Amino acid sequence: RKVFYRMGFSDQDIVALSGAHTLGRARPDRSGNGKEDTKYTKAGTPQVGSGSPGGSSWTVQWLKFDNSYFEDITEQKDPELLVMETDDVLVKDDAFRPYVQKYAA
């Protein structure tokens, strides 16, 4: 949070920027986060489409830009989806949570 505050971001800005996780994946060989693949990122799955397989996604449809990131980190029902500490704090922190709830609606 302090890093973003120094750049002039508000709590709402931080939450909105985090929503970019609705796209893409994390790969353990590049970031140290996630798994080699999940049921959503394996080769041949519909979610992969023309993208390269592998990694862990924050959302089921990780090539589609929507609000599912906020829905998924709020519910945290699917262990196949990535939730990092920086994602989890958005729903646990009293200042961030209202924005997550707003964007998940």
C-alpha atoms as a PDB file:
ATOM      1  CA  ARG A   1       0.000   0.000   0.000  1.00  0.00           C
ATOM      2  CA  LYS A   2       2.762   2.424   0.915  1.00  0.00           C
ATOM      3  CA  VAL A   3       4.392   1.941  -2.485  1.00  0.00           C
ATOM      4  CA  PHE A   4       1.157   2.822  -4.260  1.00  0.00           C
ATOM      5  CA  TYR A   5       0.473   5.784  -1.966  1.00  0.00           C
ATOM      6  CA  ARG A   6       3.875   7.226  -2.907  1.00  0.00           C
ATOM      7  CA  MET A   7       2.753   7.080  -6.547  1.00  0.00           C
ATOM      8  CA  GLY A   8      -0.467   8.937  -5.732  1.00  0.00           C
ATOM      9  CA  PHE A   9      -2.802   5.937  -5.809  1.00  0.00           C
ATOM     10  CA  SER A  10      -5.859   5.811  -3.564  1.00  0.00           C
ATOM     11  CA  ASP A  11      -7.229   2.604  -2.051  1.00  0.00           C
ATOM     12  CA  GLN A  12      -9.825   2.515  -4.822  1.00  0.00           C
ATOM     13  CA  ASP A  13      -7.079   2.896  -7.443  1.00  0.00           C
ATOM     14  CA  ILE A  14      -5.126   0.011  -5.917  1.00  0.00           C
ATOM     15  CA  VAL A  15      -8.160  -2.287  -5.999  1.00  0.00           C
ATOM     16  CA  ALA A  16      -9.026  -1.285  -9.569  1.00  0.00           C
ATOM     17  CA  LEU A  17      -5.448  -1.914 -10.724  1.00  0.00           C
ATOM     18  CA  SER A  18      -5.484  -5.334  -9.065  1.00  0.00           C
ATOM     19  CA  GLY A  19      -8.463  -6.193 -11.251  1.00  0.00           C
ATOM     20  CA  ALA A  20      -6.016  -6.606 -14.133  1.00  0.00           C
ATOM     21  CA  HIS A  21      -5.459 -10.084 -12.690  1.00  0.00           C
ATOM     22  CA  THR A  22      -8.674 -11.060 -14.433  1.00  0.00           C
ATOM     23  CA  LEU A  23      -6.350 -11.577 -17.411  1.00  0.00           C
ATOM     24  CA  GLY A  24      -3.367 -13.852 -17.578  1.00  0.00           C
ATOM     25  CA  ARG A  25      -1.587 -16.282 -15.341  1.00  0.00           C
ATOM     26  CA  ALA A  26       1.337 -16.640 -12.974  1.00  0.00           C
ATOM     27  CA  ARG A  27       4.026 -19.192 -13.719  1.00  0.00           C
ATOM     28  CA  PRO A  28       6.207 -20.650 -10.975  1.00  0.00           C
ATOM     29  CA  ASP A  29       9.309 -20.653 -13.163  1.00  0.00           C
ATOM     30  CA  ARG A  30       8.935 -16.898 -13.753  1.00  0.00           C
ATOM     31  CA  SER A  31       7.431 -15.454 -10.574  1.00  0.00           C
ATOM     32  CA  GLY A  32       7.650 -18.275  -8.064  1.00  0.00           C
ATOM     33  CA  ASN A  33       3.837 -18.217  -7.762  1.00  0.00           C
ATOM     34  CA  GLY A  34       1.210 -20.685  -8.883  1.00  0.00           C
ATOM     35  CA  LYS A  35       1.382 -24.195 -10.280  1.00  0.00           C
ATOM     36  CA  GLU A  36       2.815 -25.612 -13.499  1.00  0.00           C
ATOM     37  CA  ASP A  37      -0.757 -25.874 -14.764  1.00  0.00           C
ATOM     38  CA  THR A  38      -4.346 -26.214 -13.579  1.00  0.00           C
ATOM     39  CA  LYS A  39      -7.538 -27.599 -15.029  1.00  0.00           C
ATOM     40  CA  TYR A  40      -8.043 -24.173 -16.640  1.00  0.00           C
ATOM     41  CA  THR A  41      -4.577 -23.811 -18.159  1.00  0.00           C
ATOM     42  CA  LYS A  42      -3.748 -27.311 -19.420  1.00  0.00           C
ATOM     43  CA  ALA A  43      -3.157 -27.777 -23.113  1.00  0.00           C
ATOM     44  CA  GLY A  44      -6.366 -28.641 -24.947  1.00  0.00           C
ATOM     45  CA  THR A  45      -8.726 -26.920 -22.531  1.00  0.00           C
ATOM     46  CA  PRO A  46     -11.161 -24.383 -23.994  1.00  0.00           C
ATOM     47  CA  GLN A  47      -9.787 -21.615 -21.776  1.00  0.00           C
ATOM     48  CA  VAL A  48      -6.344 -21.857 -23.383  1.00  0.00           C
ATOM     49  CA  GLY A  49      -7.691 -21.150 -26.861  1.00  0.00           C
ATOM     50  CA  SER A  50      -4.860 -19.803 -28.970  1.00  0.00           C
ATOM     51  CA  GLY A  51      -2.762 -18.941 -25.904  1.00  0.00           C
ATOM     52  CA  SER A  52       0.084 -21.030 -24.568  1.00  0.00           C
ATOM     53  CA  PRO A  53      -0.832 -23.567 -21.877  1.00  0.00           C
ATOM     54  CA  GLY A  54       0.456 -23.633 -18.310  1.00  0.00           C
ATOM     55  CA  GLY A  55       0.586 -21.569 -15.172  1.00  0.00           C
ATOM     56  CA  SER A  56      -2.087 -20.658 -12.646  1.00  0.00           C
ATOM     57  CA  SER A  57      -4.862 -18.219 -13.456  1.00  0.00           C
ATOM     58  CA  TRP A  58      -6.801 -15.945 -11.149  1.00  0.00           C
ATOM     59  CA  THR A  59      -9.995 -16.583 -13.143  1.00  0.00           C
ATOM     60  CA  VAL A  60     -11.543 -19.432 -15.121  1.00  0.00           C
ATOM     61  CA  GLN A  61     -11.728 -17.456 -18.362  1.00  0.00           C
ATOM     62  CA  TRP A  62      -8.293 -15.830 -18.069  1.00  0.00           C
ATOM     63  CA  LEU A  63      -8.350 -14.412 -21.615  1.00  0.00           C
ATOM     64  CA  LYS A  64     -11.601 -12.501 -20.991  1.00  0.00           C
ATOM     65  CA  PHE A  65     -11.682  -9.063 -19.356  1.00  0.00           C
ATOM     66  CA  ASP A  66     -14.579  -8.864 -16.890  1.00  0.00           C
ATOM     67  CA  ASN A  67     -15.153  -8.573 -13.134  1.00  0.00           C
ATOM     68  CA  SER A  68     -14.682 -12.278 -12.365  1.00  0.00           C
ATOM     69  CA  TYR A  69     -11.396 -11.584 -10.539  1.00  0.00           C
ATOM     70  CA  PHE A  70     -13.300  -9.654  -7.872  1.00  0.00           C
ATOM     71  CA  GLU A  71     -16.033 -12.308  -7.681  1.00  0.00           C
ATOM     72  CA  ASP A  72     -13.480 -15.100  -7.366  1.00  0.00           C
ATOM     73  CA  ILE A  73     -11.293 -13.510  -4.676  1.00  0.00           C
ATOM     74  CA  THR A  74     -14.430 -12.701  -2.682  1.00  0.00           C
ATOM     75  CA  GLU A  75     -15.785 -16.248  -2.837  1.00  0.00           C
ATOM     76  CA  GLN A  76     -12.510 -18.230  -2.925  1.00  0.00           C
ATOM     77  CA  LYS A  77     -14.419 -21.422  -3.662  1.00  0.00           C
ATOM     78  CA  ASP A  78     -12.170 -22.875  -6.375  1.00  0.00           C
ATOM     79  CA  PRO A  79      -8.745 -24.109  -5.194  1.00  0.00           C
ATOM     80  CA  GLU A  80      -7.611 -24.278  -8.834  1.00  0.00           C
ATOM     81  CA  LEU A  81      -7.665 -20.460  -9.019  1.00  0.00           C
ATOM     82  CA  LEU A  82      -4.696 -18.458  -7.815  1.00  0.00           C
ATOM     83  CA  VAL A  83      -5.112 -16.190  -4.795  1.00  0.00           C
ATOM     84  CA  MET A  84      -1.893 -14.556  -3.684  1.00  0.00           C
ATOM     85  CA  GLU A  85      -1.427 -12.712  -0.409  1.00  0.00           C
ATOM     86  CA  THR A  86      -1.804  -9.419  -2.272  1.00  0.00           C
ATOM     87  CA  ASP A  87      -5.180 -10.592  -3.612  1.00  0.00           C
ATOM     88  CA  ASP A  88      -6.375 -11.915  -0.277  1.00  0.00           C
ATOM     89  CA  VAL A  89      -5.649  -8.654   1.526  1.00  0.00           C
ATOM     90  CA  LEU A  90      -8.122  -6.877  -0.767  1.00  0.00           C
ATOM     91  CA  VAL A  91     -11.017  -8.772   0.818  1.00  0.00           C
ATOM     92  CA  LYS A  92      -9.660  -8.737   4.366  1.00  0.00           C
ATOM     93  CA  ASP A  93      -8.672  -5.075   4.628  1.00  0.00           C
ATOM     94  CA  ASP A  94     -11.481  -2.782   5.806  1.00  0.00           C
ATOM     95  CA  ALA A  95     -10.507   0.026   3.402  1.00  0.00           C
ATOM     96  CA  PHE A  96     -10.117  -2.185   0.288  1.00  0.00           C
ATOM     97  CA  ARG A  97     -13.119  -4.499   0.836  1.00  0.00           C
ATOM     98  CA  PRO A  98     -15.896  -2.024  -0.118  1.00  0.00           C
ATOM     99  CA  TYR A  99     -14.286  -1.509  -3.536  1.00  0.00           C
ATOM    100  CA  VAL A 100     -13.872  -5.251  -4.098  1.00  0.00           C
ATOM    101  CA  GLN A 101     -17.542  -5.752  -3.229  1.00  0.00           C
ATOM    102  CA  LYS A 102     -18.571  -2.906  -5.532  1.00  0.00           C
ATOM    103  CA  TYR A 103     -16.577  -4.301  -8.472  1.00  0.00           C
ATOM    104  CA  ALA A 104     -17.760  -7.867  -7.814  1.00  0.00           C
ATOM    105  CA  ALA A 105     -21.438  -6.821  -8.035  1.00  0.00           C
END
